[in-house]
Amino acid sequence: MRGDYTQAATYFARGYQEYPKSVKAPDNLLKLAMSLARLDRKKDACVTFEELDTRFPTASQAIKRRAASERKRTGCS
């Protein structure tokens, strides 16, 4: 799946939609946002980063750090 960001975005979106309360849900949102960013869908990526912060304020520090880094790289405000 490496490099196929369209397929990756579909996979992570489906995982989040089917299991929104799963322990993997924050990771799915993070990876969805990253995939959207790489598809030049900046607005969608930024909205997804926001959803990650809003829905999972107690996500692991690793996910929070990665999200902050990727959000900055993407240019989200």
PDB file of N, CA and C in Angstrom:
ATOM      1  N   MET A   1       0.816  -1.191   0.000  1.00  0.00           N
ATOM      2  CA  MET A   1       0.000   0.000   0.000  1.00  0.00           C
ATOM      3  C   MET A   1       0.864   1.260   0.000  1.00  0.00           C
ATOM      4  N   ARG A   2       2.135   1.142   0.224  1.00  0.00           N
ATOM      5  CA  ARG A   2       3.014   2.314   0.259  1.00  0.00           C
ATOM      6  C   ARG A   2       2.949   3.063  -1.057  1.00  0.00           C
ATOM      7  N   GLY A   3       2.696   4.369  -0.957  1.00  0.00           N
ATOM      8  CA  GLY A   3       2.650   5.201  -2.140  1.00  0.00           C
ATOM      9  C   GLY A   3       1.273   5.312  -2.764  1.00  0.00           C
ATOM     10  N   ASP A   4       0.357   4.409  -2.463  1.00  0.00           N
ATOM     11  CA  ASP A   4      -0.991   4.476  -3.005  1.00  0.00           C
ATOM     12  C   ASP A   4      -1.876   5.160  -1.973  1.00  0.00           C
ATOM     13  N   TYR A   5      -1.815   6.490  -1.975  1.00  0.00           N
ATOM     14  CA  TYR A   5      -2.495   7.254  -0.932  1.00  0.00           C
ATOM     15  C   TYR A   5      -4.006   7.236  -1.080  1.00  0.00           C
ATOM     16  N   THR A   6      -4.500   7.063  -2.300  1.00  0.00           N
ATOM     17  CA  THR A   6      -5.948   6.962  -2.492  1.00  0.00           C
ATOM     18  C   THR A   6      -6.472   5.707  -1.814  1.00  0.00           C
ATOM     19  N   GLN A   7      -5.815   4.595  -2.054  1.00  0.00           N
ATOM     20  CA  GLN A   7      -6.219   3.331  -1.430  1.00  0.00           C
ATOM     21  C   GLN A   7      -6.044   3.419   0.086  1.00  0.00           C
ATOM     22  N   ALA A   8      -4.964   4.023   0.529  1.00  0.00           N
ATOM     23  CA  ALA A   8      -4.711   4.155   1.963  1.00  0.00           C
ATOM     24  C   ALA A   8      -5.800   4.997   2.624  1.00  0.00           C
ATOM     25  N   ALA A   9      -6.156   6.117   2.000  1.00  0.00           N
ATOM     26  CA  ALA A   9      -7.199   6.985   2.564  1.00  0.00           C
ATOM     27  C   ALA A   9      -8.516   6.227   2.677  1.00  0.00           C
ATOM     28  N   THR A  10      -8.850   5.464   1.662  1.00  0.00           N
ATOM     29  CA  THR A  10     -10.083   4.673   1.690  1.00  0.00           C
ATOM     30  C   THR A  10     -10.037   3.656   2.825  1.00  0.00           C
ATOM     31  N   TYR A  11      -8.927   2.985   2.972  1.00  0.00           N
ATOM     32  CA  TYR A  11      -8.750   1.965   4.008  1.00  0.00           C
ATOM     33  C   TYR A  11      -8.886   2.575   5.411  1.00  0.00           C
ATOM     34  N   PHE A  12      -8.198   3.692   5.663  1.00  0.00           N
ATOM     35  CA  PHE A  12      -8.233   4.295   6.996  1.00  0.00           C
ATOM     36  C   PHE A  12      -9.589   4.926   7.296  1.00  0.00           C
ATOM     37  N   ALA A  13     -10.237   5.498   6.275  1.00  0.00           N
ATOM     38  CA  ALA A  13     -11.581   6.062   6.471  1.00  0.00           C
ATOM     39  C   ALA A  13     -12.568   4.955   6.814  1.00  0.00           C
ATOM     40  N   ARG A  14     -12.484   3.848   6.107  1.00  0.00           N
ATOM     41  CA  ARG A  14     -13.384   2.722   6.378  1.00  0.00           C
ATOM     42  C   ARG A  14     -13.144   2.175   7.784  1.00  0.00           C
ATOM     43  N   GLY A  15     -11.896   2.031   8.163  1.00  0.00           N
ATOM     44  CA  GLY A  15     -11.580   1.534   9.497  1.00  0.00           C
ATOM     45  C   GLY A  15     -12.152   2.425  10.585  1.00  0.00           C
ATOM     46  N   TYR A  16     -12.055   3.742  10.373  1.00  0.00           N
ATOM     47  CA  TYR A  16     -12.586   4.675  11.361  1.00  0.00           C
ATOM     48  C   TYR A  16     -14.107   4.647  11.374  1.00  0.00           C
ATOM     49  N   GLN A  17     -14.735   4.597  10.205  1.00  0.00           N
ATOM     50  CA  GLN A  17     -16.196   4.587  10.128  1.00  0.00           C
ATOM     51  C   GLN A  17     -16.789   3.325  10.746  1.00  0.00           C
ATOM     52  N   GLU A  18     -16.142   2.193  10.530  1.00  0.00           N
ATOM     53  CA  GLU A  18     -16.677   0.932  11.033  1.00  0.00           C
ATOM     54  C   GLU A  18     -16.394   0.736  12.520  1.00  0.00           C
ATOM     55  N   TYR A  19     -15.299   1.314  13.015  1.00  0.00           N
ATOM     56  CA  TYR A  19     -14.904   1.120  14.414  1.00  0.00           C
ATOM     57  C   TYR A  19     -14.491   2.452  15.042  1.00  0.00           C
ATOM     58  N   PRO A  20     -15.435   3.402  15.166  1.00  0.00           N
ATOM     59  CA  PRO A  20     -15.074   4.739  15.662  1.00  0.00           C
ATOM     60  C   PRO A  20     -14.653   4.776  17.129  1.00  0.00           C
ATOM     61  N   LYS A  21     -14.930   3.727  17.871  1.00  0.00           N
ATOM     62  CA  LYS A  21     -14.553   3.706  19.290  1.00  0.00           C
ATOM     63  C   LYS A  21     -13.429   2.717  19.574  1.00  0.00           C
ATOM     64  N   SER A  22     -12.856   2.181  18.519  1.00  0.00           N
ATOM     65  CA  SER A  22     -11.768   1.221  18.644  1.00  0.00           C
ATOM     66  C   SER A  22     -10.509   1.903  19.176  1.00  0.00           C
ATOM     67  N   VAL A  23      -9.649   1.112  19.772  1.00  0.00           N
ATOM     68  CA  VAL A  23      -8.359   1.629  20.236  1.00  0.00           C
ATOM     69  C   VAL A  23      -7.530   2.139  19.048  1.00  0.00           C
ATOM     70  N   LYS A  24      -7.817   1.644  17.855  1.00  0.00           N
ATOM     71  CA  LYS A  24      -7.094   2.057  16.649  1.00  0.00           C
ATOM     72  C   LYS A  24      -7.707   3.293  15.977  1.00  0.00           C
ATOM     73  N   ALA A  25      -8.842   3.769  16.463  1.00  0.00           N
ATOM     74  CA  ALA A  25      -9.522   4.894  15.821  1.00  0.00           C
ATOM     75  C   ALA A  25      -8.640   6.150  15.706  1.00  0.00           C
ATOM     76  N   PRO A  26      -7.946   6.560  16.778  1.00  0.00           N
ATOM     77  CA  PRO A  26      -7.077   7.738  16.627  1.00  0.00           C
ATOM     78  C   PRO A  26      -5.992   7.536  15.566  1.00  0.00           C
ATOM     79  N   ASP A  27      -5.419   6.352  15.528  1.00  0.00           N
ATOM     80  CA  ASP A  27      -4.390   6.049  14.534  1.00  0.00           C
ATOM     81  C   ASP A  27      -4.974   6.084  13.127  1.00  0.00           C
ATOM     82  N   ASN A  28      -6.192   5.551  12.973  1.00  0.00           N
ATOM     83  CA  ASN A  28      -6.840   5.590  11.658  1.00  0.00           C
ATOM     84  C   ASN A  28      -7.068   7.030  11.205  1.00  0.00           C
ATOM     85  N   LEU A  29      -7.517   7.893  12.103  1.00  0.00           N
ATOM     86  CA  LEU A  29      -7.728   9.297  11.736  1.00  0.00           C
ATOM     87  C   LEU A  29      -6.413   9.982  11.381  1.00  0.00           C
ATOM     88  N   LEU A  30      -5.381   9.718  12.156  1.00  0.00           N
ATOM     89  CA  LEU A  30      -4.071  10.299  11.862  1.00  0.00           C
ATOM     90  C   LEU A  30      -3.601   9.884  10.470  1.00  0.00           C
ATOM     91  N   LYS A  31      -3.673   8.613  10.187  1.00  0.00           N
ATOM     92  CA  LYS A  31      -3.194   8.115   8.894  1.00  0.00           C
ATOM     93  C   LYS A  31      -4.091   8.553   7.751  1.00  0.00           C
ATOM     94  N   LEU A  32      -5.389   8.705   8.023  1.00  0.00           N
ATOM     95  CA  LEU A  32      -6.289   9.254   7.008  1.00  0.00           C
ATOM     96  C   LEU A  32      -5.872  10.686   6.674  1.00  0.00           C
ATOM     97  N   ALA A  33      -5.644  11.491   7.692  1.00  0.00           N
ATOM     98  CA  ALA A  33      -5.231  12.880   7.473  1.00  0.00           C
ATOM     99  C   ALA A  33      -3.919  12.938   6.700  1.00  0.00           C
ATOM    100  N   MET A  34      -2.971  12.096   7.054  1.00  0.00           N
ATOM    101  CA  MET A  34      -1.681  12.083   6.363  1.00  0.00           C
ATOM    102  C   MET A  34      -1.856  11.688   4.892  1.00  0.00           C
ATOM    103  N   SER A  35      -2.707  10.715   4.643  1.00  0.00           N
ATOM    104  CA  SER A  35      -2.958  10.280   3.259  1.00  0.00           C
ATOM    105  C   SER A  35      -3.617  11.393   2.464  1.00  0.00           C
ATOM    106  N   LEU A  36      -4.594  12.078   3.068  1.00  0.00           N
ATOM    107  CA  LEU A  36      -5.260  13.191   2.385  1.00  0.00           C
ATOM    108  C   LEU A  36      -4.266  14.304   2.064  1.00  0.00           C
ATOM    109  N   ALA A  37      -3.372  14.583   2.984  1.00  0.00           N
ATOM    110  CA  ALA A  37      -2.362  15.612   2.745  1.00  0.00           C
ATOM    111  C   ALA A  37      -1.490  15.256   1.551  1.00  0.00           C
ATOM    112  N   ARG A  38      -1.129  14.006   1.439  1.00  0.00           N
ATOM    113  CA  ARG A  38      -0.266  13.579   0.332  1.00  0.00           C
ATOM    114  C   ARG A  38      -1.008  13.529  -0.999  1.00  0.00           C
ATOM    115  N   LEU A  39      -2.340  13.558  -0.927  1.00  0.00           N
ATOM    116  CA  LEU A  39      -3.162  13.628  -2.135  1.00  0.00           C
ATOM    117  C   LEU A  39      -3.490  15.088  -2.500  1.00  0.00           C
ATOM    118  N   ASP A  40      -2.815  16.036  -1.826  1.00  0.00           N
ATOM    119  CA  ASP A  40      -3.046  17.471  -2.029  1.00  0.00           C
ATOM    120  C   ASP A  40      -4.475  17.877  -1.694  1.00  0.00           C
ATOM    121  N   ARG A  41      -5.043  17.210  -0.705  1.00  0.00           N
ATOM    122  CA  ARG A  41      -6.373  17.570  -0.185  1.00  0.00           C
ATOM    123  C   ARG A  41      -6.166  18.199   1.193  1.00  0.00           C
ATOM    124  N   LYS A  42      -5.481  19.339   1.173  1.00  0.00           N
ATOM    125  CA  LYS A  42      -5.066  20.012   2.408  1.00  0.00           C
ATOM    126  C   LYS A  42      -6.239  20.316   3.322  1.00  0.00           C
ATOM    127  N   LYS A  43      -7.307  20.884   2.773  1.00  0.00           N
ATOM    128  CA  LYS A  43      -8.451  21.257   3.606  1.00  0.00           C
ATOM    129  C   LYS A  43      -9.013  20.022   4.311  1.00  0.00           C
ATOM    130  N   ASP A  44      -9.212  18.939   3.569  1.00  0.00           N
ATOM    131  CA  ASP A  44      -9.736  17.701   4.165  1.00  0.00           C
ATOM    132  C   ASP A  44      -8.779  17.160   5.222  1.00  0.00           C
ATOM    133  N   ALA A  45      -7.491  17.242   4.947  1.00  0.00           N
ATOM    134  CA  ALA A  45      -6.494  16.768   5.912  1.00  0.00           C
ATOM    135  C   ALA A  45      -6.575  17.578   7.201  1.00  0.00           C
ATOM    136  N   CYS A  46      -6.658  18.892   7.077  1.00  0.00           N
ATOM    137  CA  CYS A  46      -6.710  19.763   8.256  1.00  0.00           C
ATOM    138  C   CYS A  46      -7.969  19.503   9.076  1.00  0.00           C
ATOM    139  N   VAL A  47      -9.091  19.312   8.401  1.00  0.00           N
ATOM    140  CA  VAL A  47     -10.342  18.986   9.098  1.00  0.00           C
ATOM    141  C   VAL A  47     -10.198  17.665   9.847  1.00  0.00           C
ATOM    142  N   THR A  48      -9.533  16.715   9.238  1.00  0.00           N
ATOM    143  CA  THR A  48      -9.342  15.406   9.876  1.00  0.00           C
ATOM    144  C   THR A  48      -8.415  15.522  11.078  1.00  0.00           C
ATOM    145  N   PHE A  49      -7.364  16.332  10.981  1.00  0.00           N
ATOM    146  CA  PHE A  49      -6.506  16.561  12.144  1.00  0.00           C
ATOM    147  C   PHE A  49      -7.318  17.181  13.287  1.00  0.00           C
ATOM    148  N   GLU A  50      -8.210  18.128  12.954  1.00  0.00           N
ATOM    149  CA  GLU A  50      -9.063  18.751  13.968  1.00  0.00           C
ATOM    150  C   GLU A  50      -9.981  17.720  14.618  1.00  0.00           C
ATOM    151  N   GLU A  51     -10.543  16.846  13.795  1.00  0.00           N
ATOM    152  CA  GLU A  51     -11.431  15.805  14.334  1.00  0.00           C
ATOM    153  C   GLU A  51     -10.669  14.891  15.283  1.00  0.00           C
ATOM    154  N   LEU A  52      -9.443  14.574  14.927  1.00  0.00           N
ATOM    155  CA  LEU A  52      -8.602  13.747  15.799  1.00  0.00           C
ATOM    156  C   LEU A  52      -8.438  14.426  17.163  1.00  0.00           C
ATOM    157  N   ASP A  53      -8.118  15.707  17.156  1.00  0.00           N
ATOM    158  CA  ASP A  53      -7.938  16.443  18.417  1.00  0.00           C
ATOM    159  C   ASP A  53      -9.229  16.512  19.223  1.00  0.00           C
ATOM    160  N   THR A  54     -10.339  16.745  18.548  1.00  0.00           N
ATOM    161  CA  THR A  54     -11.630  16.914  19.222  1.00  0.00           C
ATOM    162  C   THR A  54     -12.155  15.607  19.800  1.00  0.00           C
ATOM    163  N   ARG A  55     -12.119  14.562  18.996  1.00  0.00           N
ATOM    164  CA  ARG A  55     -12.704  13.279  19.427  1.00  0.00           C
ATOM    165  C   ARG A  55     -11.805  12.470  20.346  1.00  0.00           C
ATOM    166  N   PHE A  56     -10.510  12.689  20.242  1.00  0.00           N
ATOM    167  CA  PHE A  56      -9.571  11.871  21.019  1.00  0.00           C
ATOM    168  C   PHE A  56      -8.559  12.730  21.767  1.00  0.00           C
ATOM    169  N   PRO A  57      -9.037  13.556  22.701  1.00  0.00           N
ATOM    170  CA  PRO A  57      -8.110  14.423  23.440  1.00  0.00           C
ATOM    171  C   PRO A  57      -7.137  13.635  24.320  1.00  0.00           C
ATOM    172  N   THR A  58      -7.459  12.370  24.593  1.00  0.00           N
ATOM    173  CA  THR A  58      -6.574  11.548  25.420  1.00  0.00           C
ATOM    174  C   THR A  58      -5.800  10.524  24.591  1.00  0.00           C
ATOM    175  N   ALA A  59      -5.659  10.801  23.291  1.00  0.00           N
ATOM    176  CA  ALA A  59      -4.862   9.896  22.436  1.00  0.00           C
ATOM    177  C   ALA A  59      -3.436   9.834  22.976  1.00  0.00           C
ATOM    178  N   SER A  60      -2.721   8.826  22.586  1.00  0.00           N
ATOM    179  CA  SER A  60      -1.349   8.657  23.068  1.00  0.00           C
ATOM    180  C   SER A  60      -0.484   9.855  22.675  1.00  0.00           C
ATOM    181  N   GLN A  61       0.551  10.082  23.457  1.00  0.00           N
ATOM    182  CA  GLN A  61       1.467  11.186  23.163  1.00  0.00           C
ATOM    183  C   GLN A  61       2.142  10.993  21.806  1.00  0.00           C
ATOM    184  N   ALA A  62       2.404   9.754  21.435  1.00  0.00           N
ATOM    185  CA  ALA A  62       3.032   9.489  20.136  1.00  0.00           C
ATOM    186  C   ALA A  62       2.128   9.955  18.998  1.00  0.00           C
ATOM    187  N   ILE A  63       0.844   9.670  19.104  1.00  0.00           N
ATOM    188  CA  ILE A  63      -0.102  10.100  18.067  1.00  0.00           C
ATOM    189  C   ILE A  63      -0.227  11.614  18.072  1.00  0.00           C
ATOM    190  N   LYS A  64      -0.297  12.217  19.248  1.00  0.00           N
ATOM    191  CA  LYS A  64      -0.402  13.678  19.335  1.00  0.00           C
ATOM    192  C   LYS A  64       0.824  14.366  18.734  1.00  0.00           C
ATOM    193  N   ARG A  65       2.008  13.835  19.026  1.00  0.00           N
ATOM    194  CA  ARG A  65       3.240  14.421  18.477  1.00  0.00           C
ATOM    195  C   ARG A  65       3.268  14.306  16.958  1.00  0.00           C
ATOM    196  N   ARG A  66       2.927  13.127  16.463  1.00  0.00           N
ATOM    197  CA  ARG A  66       2.947  12.911  15.008  1.00  0.00           C
ATOM    198  C   ARG A  66       1.912  13.797  14.321  1.00  0.00           C
ATOM    199  N   ALA A  67       0.729  13.910  14.921  1.00  0.00           N
ATOM    200  CA  ALA A  67      -0.319  14.756  14.346  1.00  0.00           C
ATOM    201  C   ALA A  67       0.141  16.217  14.296  1.00  0.00           C
ATOM    202  N   ALA A  68       0.765  16.694  15.368  1.00  0.00           N
ATOM    203  CA  ALA A  68       1.244  18.077  15.402  1.00  0.00           C
ATOM    204  C   ALA A  68       2.296  18.308  14.323  1.00  0.00           C
ATOM    205  N   SER A  69       3.197  17.364  14.181  1.00  0.00           N
ATOM    206  CA  SER A  69       4.252  17.471  13.163  1.00  0.00           C
ATOM    207  C   SER A  69       3.666  17.466  11.756  1.00  0.00           C
ATOM    208  N   GLU A  70       2.756  16.553  11.505  1.00  0.00           N
ATOM    209  CA  GLU A  70       2.148  16.445  10.171  1.00  0.00           C
ATOM    210  C   GLU A  70       1.252  17.641   9.863  1.00  0.00           C
ATOM    211  N   ARG A  71       0.551  18.125  10.889  1.00  0.00           N
ATOM    212  CA  ARG A  71      -0.308  19.296  10.711  1.00  0.00           C
ATOM    213  C   ARG A  71       0.556  20.496  10.289  1.00  0.00           C
ATOM    214  N   LYS A  72       1.686  20.659  10.922  1.00  0.00           N
ATOM    215  CA  LYS A  72       2.608  21.756  10.596  1.00  0.00           C
ATOM    216  C   LYS A  72       3.145  21.580   9.177  1.00  0.00           C
ATOM    217  N   ARG A  73       3.551  20.365   8.839  1.00  0.00           N
ATOM    218  CA  ARG A  73       4.092  20.077   7.499  1.00  0.00           C
ATOM    219  C   ARG A  73       3.044  20.356   6.420  1.00  0.00           C
ATOM    220  N   THR A  74       1.794  20.051   6.745  1.00  0.00           N
ATOM    221  CA  THR A  74       0.706  20.249   5.789  1.00  0.00           C
ATOM    222  C   THR A  74       0.335  21.725   5.660  1.00  0.00           C
ATOM    223  N   GLY A  75       0.621  22.496   6.697  1.00  0.00           N
ATOM    224  CA  GLY A  75       0.310  23.932   6.669  1.00  0.00           C
ATOM    225  C   GLY A  75      -1.051  24.260   7.249  1.00  0.00           C
ATOM    226  N   CYS A  76      -1.554  23.387   8.101  1.00  0.00           N
ATOM    227  CA  CYS A  76      -2.835  23.658   8.763  1.00  0.00           C
ATOM    228  C   CYS A  76      -2.617  24.761   9.794  1.00  0.00           C
ATOM    229  N   SER A  77      -3.639  25.593   9.963  1.00  0.00           N
ATOM    230  CA  SER A  77      -3.506  26.683  10.939  1.00  0.00           C
ATOM    231  C   SER A  77      -3.887  26.229  12.330  1.00  0.00           C
TER     232      SER A  77
END
